[in-house]
C-alpha atoms as a PDB file:
ATOM      1  CA  MET A   1      -0.056   0.135  -0.172  1.00  0.00           C
ATOM      2  CA  ARG A   2       1.322   3.480  -0.982  1.00  0.00           C
ATOM      3  CA  LEU A   3       0.078   6.605   0.696  1.00  0.00           C
ATOM      4  CA  PRO A   4       0.485   9.537  -1.667  1.00  0.00           C
ATOM      5  CA  ALA A   5       0.804  11.858   1.340  1.00  0.00           C
ATOM      6  CA  VAL A   6       3.777  10.254   2.819  1.00  0.00           C
ATOM      7  CA  SER A   7       5.490   9.617  -0.575  1.00  0.00           C
ATOM      8  CA  GLU A   8       5.019  13.180  -1.374  1.00  0.00           C
ATOM      9  CA  HIS A   9       6.574  14.347   1.916  1.00  0.00           C
ATOM     10  CA  ARG A  10       9.526  11.819   2.325  1.00  0.00           C
ATOM     11  CA  GLU A  11      11.950  14.088   1.284  1.00  0.00           C
ATOM     12  CA  VAL A  12      10.785  16.645   3.715  1.00  0.00           C
ATOM     13  CA  LEU A  13      10.778  14.187   6.603  1.00  0.00           C
ATOM     14  CA  ARG A  14      14.491  13.353   5.525  1.00  0.00           C
ATOM     15  CA  LEU A  15      15.437  16.879   5.557  1.00  0.00           C
ATOM     16  CA  ILE A  16      13.921  17.237   9.031  1.00  0.00           C
ATOM     17  CA  VAL A  17      15.681  13.878  10.213  1.00  0.00           C
ATOM     18  CA  GLY A  18      18.940  15.349   8.654  1.00  0.00           C
ATOM     19  CA  LEU A  19      18.487  18.786  10.513  1.00  0.00           C
ATOM     20  CA  LEU A  20      17.932  16.903  14.193  1.00  0.00           C
ATOM     21  CA  THR A  21      20.822  14.865  13.396  1.00  0.00           C
ATOM     22  CA  ILE A  22      22.908  17.975  12.945  1.00  0.00           C
ATOM     23  CA  ALA A  23      21.463  19.547  15.861  1.00  0.00           C
ATOM     24  CA  VAL A  24      22.102  16.616  18.108  1.00  0.00           C
ATOM     25  CA  GLY A  25      25.673  16.198  17.034  1.00  0.00           C
ATOM     26  CA  VAL A  26      26.276  20.099  17.179  1.00  0.00           C
ATOM     27  CA  ALA A  27      24.719  19.989  20.918  1.00  0.00           C
ATOM     28  CA  VAL A  28      27.197  17.329  21.947  1.00  0.00           C
ATOM     29  CA  PHE A  29      29.784  19.189  20.437  1.00  0.00           C
ATOM     30  CA  ALA A  30      29.002  22.442  22.268  1.00  0.00           C
ATOM     31  CA  TRP A  31      28.493  20.501  25.471  1.00  0.00           C
ATOM     32  CA  PRO A  32      31.198  18.058  25.811  1.00  0.00           C
ATOM     33  CA  SER A  33      31.221  18.006  29.680  1.00  0.00           C
ATOM     34  CA  ALA A  34      27.754  17.064  29.602  1.00  0.00           C
ATOM     35  CA  THR A  35      27.137  13.842  31.965  1.00  0.00           C
ATOM     36  CA  VAL A  36      26.778  10.155  30.723  1.00  0.00           C
ATOM     37  CA  GLN A  37      22.964  10.623  31.005  1.00  0.00           C
ATOM     38  CA  VAL A  38      22.568  13.712  28.740  1.00  0.00           C
ATOM     39  CA  ILE A  39      24.974  12.285  26.148  1.00  0.00           C
ATOM     40  CA  GLY A  40      22.898   8.904  26.234  1.00  0.00           C
ATOM     41  CA  PHE A  41      19.572  10.857  26.113  1.00  0.00           C
ATOM     42  CA  LEU A  42      20.652  12.912  22.891  1.00  0.00           C
ATOM     43  CA  PHE A  43      22.065   9.961  21.262  1.00  0.00           C
ATOM     44  CA  GLY A  44      19.008   7.729  22.143  1.00  0.00           C
ATOM     45  CA  PHE A  45      16.556  10.304  21.213  1.00  0.00           C
ATOM     46  CA  ASN A  46      18.095  10.574  17.655  1.00  0.00           C
ATOM     47  CA  LEU A  47      17.998   6.926  17.404  1.00  0.00           C
ATOM     48  CA  VAL A  48      14.320   6.581  18.122  1.00  0.00           C
ATOM     49  CA  VAL A  49      13.245   9.383  15.837  1.00  0.00           C
ATOM     50  CA  THR A  50      15.304   8.373  12.878  1.00  0.00           C
ATOM     51  CA  GLY A  51      14.499   4.580  13.341  1.00  0.00           C
ATOM     52  CA  PHE A  52      10.764   5.127  13.548  1.00  0.00           C
ATOM     53  CA  ILE A  53      10.592   7.496  10.757  1.00  0.00           C
ATOM     54  CA  ARG A  54      12.484   5.427   8.534  1.00  0.00           C
ATOM     55  CA  ALA A  55      10.271   2.563   9.510  1.00  0.00           C
ATOM     56  CA  GLY A  56       7.124   4.512   8.984  1.00  0.00           C
ATOM     57  CA  LEU A  57       8.370   5.818   5.421  1.00  0.00           C
ATOM     58  CA  LEU A  58       9.415   2.473   3.992  1.00  0.00           C
ATOM     59  CA  LEU A  59       6.145   0.899   5.368  1.00  0.00           C
ATOM     60  CA  PHE A  60       4.074   3.177   3.075  1.00  0.00           C
ATOM     61  CA  ALA A  61       6.501   4.116   0.288  1.00  0.00           C
ATOM     62  CA  GLY A  62       5.664   1.445  -2.478  1.00  0.00           C
ATOM     63  CA  GLU A  63       8.391   2.583  -4.921  1.00  0.00           C
ATOM     64  CA  TYR A  64      11.165   0.266  -3.240  1.00  0.00           C
ATOM     65  CA  PRO A  65      11.672  -3.207  -3.657  1.00  0.00           C
ATOM     66  CA  LEU A  66       9.709  -5.435  -1.477  1.00  0.00           C
ATOM     67  CA  LEU A  67      12.907  -7.186  -0.035  1.00  0.00           C
ATOM     68  CA  TYR A  68      14.466  -3.554   0.580  1.00  0.00           C
ATOM     69  CA  ARG A  69      11.290  -2.410   2.265  1.00  0.00           C
ATOM     70  CA  VAL A  70      11.077  -5.534   4.688  1.00  0.00           C
ATOM     71  CA  VAL A  71      14.733  -5.244   5.760  1.00  0.00           C
ATOM     72  CA  GLY A  72      14.532  -1.428   6.093  1.00  0.00           C
ATOM     73  CA  ILE A  73      11.303  -1.441   8.270  1.00  0.00           C
ATOM     74  CA  VAL A  74      12.692  -4.191  10.283  1.00  0.00           C
ATOM     75  CA  PHE A  75      15.971  -2.514  10.805  1.00  0.00           C
ATOM     76  CA  GLY A  76      14.212   0.912  11.448  1.00  0.00           C
ATOM     77  CA  VAL A  77      12.097  -0.510  14.113  1.00  0.00           C
ATOM     78  CA  LEU A  78      15.155  -1.987  15.752  1.00  0.00           C
ATOM     79  CA  THR A  79      16.827   1.108  15.522  1.00  0.00           C
ATOM     80  CA  GLY A  80      14.062   2.923  17.347  1.00  0.00           C
ATOM     81  CA  ILE A  81      14.022  -0.078  19.928  1.00  0.00           C
ATOM     82  CA  VAL A  82      17.676   0.325  20.591  1.00  0.00           C
ATOM     83  CA  GLY A  83      17.027   4.107  21.145  1.00  0.00           C
ATOM     84  CA  ILE A  84      14.448   3.242  23.541  1.00  0.00           C
ATOM     85  CA  LEU A  85      16.870   0.990  25.321  1.00  0.00           C
ATOM     86  CA  CYS A  86      19.213   3.722  25.269  1.00  0.00           C
ATOM     87  CA  LEU A  87      16.824   6.230  26.997  1.00  0.00           C
ATOM     88  CA  ARG A  88      15.810   3.557  29.620  1.00  0.00           C
ATOM     89  CA  ASN A  89      19.267   2.861  30.695  1.00  0.00           C
ATOM     90  CA  ILE A  90      21.115   6.173  30.446  1.00  0.00           C
ATOM     91  CA  ALA A  91      22.379   5.886  33.830  1.00  0.00           C
ATOM     92  CA  GLY A  92      23.916   2.478  33.006  1.00  0.00           C
ATOM     93  CA  SER A  93      27.877   2.016  32.382  1.00  0.00           C
ATOM     94  CA  VAL A  94      29.627   4.078  29.512  1.00  0.00           C
ATOM     95  CA  VAL A  95      30.646   0.713  27.931  1.00  0.00           C
ATOM     96  CA  LEU A  96      26.930  -0.434  27.656  1.00  0.00           C
ATOM     97  CA  LEU A  97      25.900   3.171  26.337  1.00  0.00           C
ATOM     98  CA  LEU A  98      28.461   2.790  23.776  1.00  0.00           C
ATOM     99  CA  VAL A  99      27.494  -0.592  22.495  1.00  0.00           C
ATOM    100  CA  VAL A 100      23.871   0.191  22.483  1.00  0.00           C
ATOM    101  CA  VAL A 101      24.401   3.468  20.506  1.00  0.00           C
ATOM    102  CA  ALA A 102      26.826   1.664  18.141  1.00  0.00           C
ATOM    103  CA  ILE A 103      24.344  -1.142  17.311  1.00  0.00           C
ATOM    104  CA  GLY A 104      21.837   1.338  16.408  1.00  0.00           C
ATOM    105  CA  TRP A 105      24.078   3.328  14.165  1.00  0.00           C
ATOM    106  CA  LEU A 106      24.991   0.173  12.433  1.00  0.00           C
ATOM    107  CA  LEU A 107      21.264  -0.733  11.845  1.00  0.00           C
ATOM    108  CA  ASP A 108      20.440   3.009  10.893  1.00  0.00           C
ATOM    109  CA  GLY A 109      23.534   2.825   8.316  1.00  0.00           C
ATOM    110  CA  LEU A 110      22.359  -0.515   7.014  1.00  0.00           C
ATOM    111  CA  VAL A 111      18.770   0.829   6.354  1.00  0.00           C
ATOM    112  CA  GLU A 112      20.290   3.801   4.421  1.00  0.00           C
ATOM    113  CA  ILE A 113      22.411   1.658   2.398  1.00  0.00           C
ATOM    114  CA  PHE A 114      19.667  -0.826   1.588  1.00  0.00           C
ATOM    115  CA  THR A 115      17.164   1.437   0.714  1.00  0.00           C
ATOM    116  CA  ALA A 116      19.389   3.475  -1.550  1.00  0.00           C
ATOM    117  CA  VAL A 117      20.697   0.668  -3.386  1.00  0.00           C
ATOM    118  CA  GLY A 118      16.920  -0.626  -3.819  1.00  0.00           C
ATOM    119  CA  THR A 119      16.300   2.750  -5.749  1.00  0.00           C
ATOM    120  CA  PRO A 120      19.706   3.587  -7.818  1.00  0.00           C
ATOM    121  CA  ALA A 121      17.956   6.011 -10.210  1.00  0.00           C
ATOM    122  CA  GLU A 122      16.588   7.904  -7.307  1.00  0.00           C
ATOM    123  CA  ARG A 123      18.200  11.252  -6.962  1.00  0.00           C
ATOM    124  CA  GLY A 124      20.294  11.645  -3.930  1.00  0.00           C
ATOM    125  CA  SER A 125      20.822   7.807  -3.477  1.00  0.00           C
ATOM    126  CA  GLY A 126      24.558   8.314  -3.551  1.00  0.00           C
ATOM    127  CA  TRP A 127      24.297  10.716  -0.661  1.00  0.00           C
ATOM    128  CA  ARG A 128      22.185   8.338   1.010  1.00  0.00           C
ATOM    129  CA  ILE A 129      24.787   5.427   0.496  1.00  0.00           C
ATOM    130  CA  GLY A 130      27.468   7.713   1.600  1.00  0.00           C
ATOM    131  CA  GLY A 131      25.412   8.757   4.896  1.00  0.00           C
ATOM    132  CA  GLY A 132      24.877   4.953   5.468  1.00  0.00           C
ATOM    133  CA  LEU A 133      28.347   4.060   4.962  1.00  0.00           C
ATOM    134  CA  LEU A 134      29.732   6.866   7.621  1.00  0.00           C
ATOM    135  CA  MET A 135      27.023   5.387  10.118  1.00  0.00           C
ATOM    136  CA  VAL A 136      28.446   1.953   9.795  1.00  0.00           C
ATOM    137  CA  LEU A 137      31.914   3.090   9.995  1.00  0.00           C
ATOM    138  CA  GLY A 138      31.274   5.064  12.946  1.00  0.00           C
ATOM    139  CA  ALA A 139      29.495   1.950  14.781  1.00  0.00           C
ATOM    140  CA  ILE A 140      32.339  -0.253  13.750  1.00  0.00           C
ATOM    141  CA  ALA A 141      34.773   2.033  15.225  1.00  0.00           C
ATOM    142  CA  VAL A 142      32.838   2.114  18.450  1.00  0.00           C
ATOM    143  CA  LEU A 143      32.164  -1.593  18.599  1.00  0.00           C
ATOM    144  CA  VAL A 144      35.973  -2.272  17.952  1.00  0.00           C
ATOM    145  CA  TRP A 145      36.902  -0.056  20.909  1.00  0.00           C
ATOM    146  CA  PRO A 146      34.217  -0.144  23.528  1.00  0.00           C
ATOM    147  CA  LYS A 147      36.252   0.998  26.167  1.00  0.00           C
ATOM    148  CA  LEU A 148      37.607   4.085  24.589  1.00  0.00           C
ATOM    149  CA  GLY A 149      36.223   6.564  27.115  1.00  0.00           C
ATOM    150  CA  LEU A 150      33.541   9.003  26.978  1.00  0.00           C
ATOM    151  CA  ALA A 151      35.475  11.605  25.762  1.00  0.00           C
ATOM    152  CA  ALA A 152      36.482   9.872  22.458  1.00  0.00           C
ATOM    153  CA  PHE A 153      33.135   8.529  22.138  1.00  0.00           C
ATOM    154  CA  ILE A 154      31.771  12.224  22.102  1.00  0.00           C
ATOM    155  CA  ALA A 155      34.023  13.429  19.744  1.00  0.00           C
ATOM    156  CA  ILE A 156      33.544  10.083  17.329  1.00  0.00           C
ATOM    157  CA  GLY A 157      29.809  10.326  17.914  1.00  0.00           C
ATOM    158  CA  ALA A 158      29.210  14.096  17.452  1.00  0.00           C
ATOM    159  CA  THR A 159      31.551  14.031  14.185  1.00  0.00           C
ATOM    160  CA  VAL A 160      29.385  10.992  12.874  1.00  0.00           C
ATOM    161  CA  LEU A 161      26.080  12.752  13.552  1.00  0.00           C
ATOM    162  CA  VAL A 162      27.054  16.237  12.018  1.00  0.00           C
ATOM    163  CA  PHE A 163      28.442  14.524   8.928  1.00  0.00           C
ATOM    164  CA  VAL A 164      25.700  11.969   8.564  1.00  0.00           C
ATOM    165  CA  GLY A 165      23.133  14.862   8.967  1.00  0.00           C
ATOM    166  CA  ILE A 166      24.950  16.953   6.483  1.00  0.00           C
ATOM    167  CA  VAL A 167      24.719  13.991   4.014  1.00  0.00           C
ATOM    168  CA  GLN A 168      21.005  13.447   4.796  1.00  0.00           C
ATOM    169  CA  VAL A 169      20.028  17.156   4.291  1.00  0.00           C
ATOM    170  CA  LEU A 170      21.964  17.188   0.839  1.00  0.00           C
ATOM    171  CA  GLY A 171      20.374  13.884  -0.026  1.00  0.00           C
ATOM    172  CA  ALA A 172      17.026  15.404   0.764  1.00  0.00           C
ATOM    173  CA  LEU A 173      17.629  18.723  -1.003  1.00  0.00           C
ATOM    174  CA  ALA A 174      18.673  16.467  -4.210  1.00  0.00           C
ATOM    175  CA  GLY A 175      15.382  14.338  -3.796  1.00  0.00           C
ATOM    176  CA  LEU A 176      13.268  17.838  -3.395  1.00  0.00           C
ATOM    177  CA  ARG A 177      14.748  19.248  -6.707  1.00  0.00           C
ATOM    178  CA  THR A 178      13.462  15.848  -8.588  1.00  0.00           C
ATOM    179  CA  THR A 179      10.138  16.308  -7.017  1.00  0.00           C
ATOM    180  CA  ASP A 180       9.561  19.706  -7.930  1.00  0.00           C
ATOM    181  CA  ARG A 181       9.681  19.084 -11.417  1.00  0.00           C
ATOM    182  CA  PRO A 182       7.181  17.198 -13.560  1.00  0.00           C
ATOM    183  CA  HIS A 183       8.110  13.739 -14.598  1.00  0.00           C
ATOM    184  CA  GLY A 184      10.480  13.421 -17.376  1.00  0.00           C
ATOM    185  CA  GLU A 185      11.820  16.942 -17.368  1.00  0.00           C
ATOM    186  CA  THR A 186      15.651  16.833 -17.214  1.00  0.00           C
ATOM    187  CA  ILE A 187      17.930  19.411 -15.632  1.00  0.00           C
ATOM    188  CA  PRO A 188      19.533  21.541 -18.282  1.00  0.00           C
ATOM    189  CA  ALA A 189      23.366  21.040 -18.292  1.00  0.00           C
ATOM    190  CA  GLY A 190      25.684  23.897 -17.324  1.00  0.00           C
END
């Protein structure tokens, strides 16, 4: 089932998620002395919002192949659940927080890659693959060194979020440029 309202506003939602991701990354950079609870809340909130928005978009957007939609929905819901777990246990240990957030990033990055590969002709899909790869690489870095400490995690996490947010915004803007033109209209060269 494809709902036109969801499909038409997909790029706007991606733009909002990208801006939220940048805002969370900048907030973490601006407030590096924040407690583990504040950092955990910011990262957990980001995972909840991005995971469930992605799952909702893929649930009603029929233009993706079924396999990519199913994988994207499952990973989106899992990302949201990981975010909820992060929010429920923000007073837990730093290592647990790092691992939970890294798993969320890994799932979110894989959703981006899968859905972008599912629609290679879509404008902005290269940006989405790049953003997904950044999330996966950030997750791998944190999972390989789970005891790297809060300061290093803040630096890596904030950097990943800011860059992924920028990539999401650029991809959404590229998609918005496409949806503003009638079908078949090409972009003039030059």
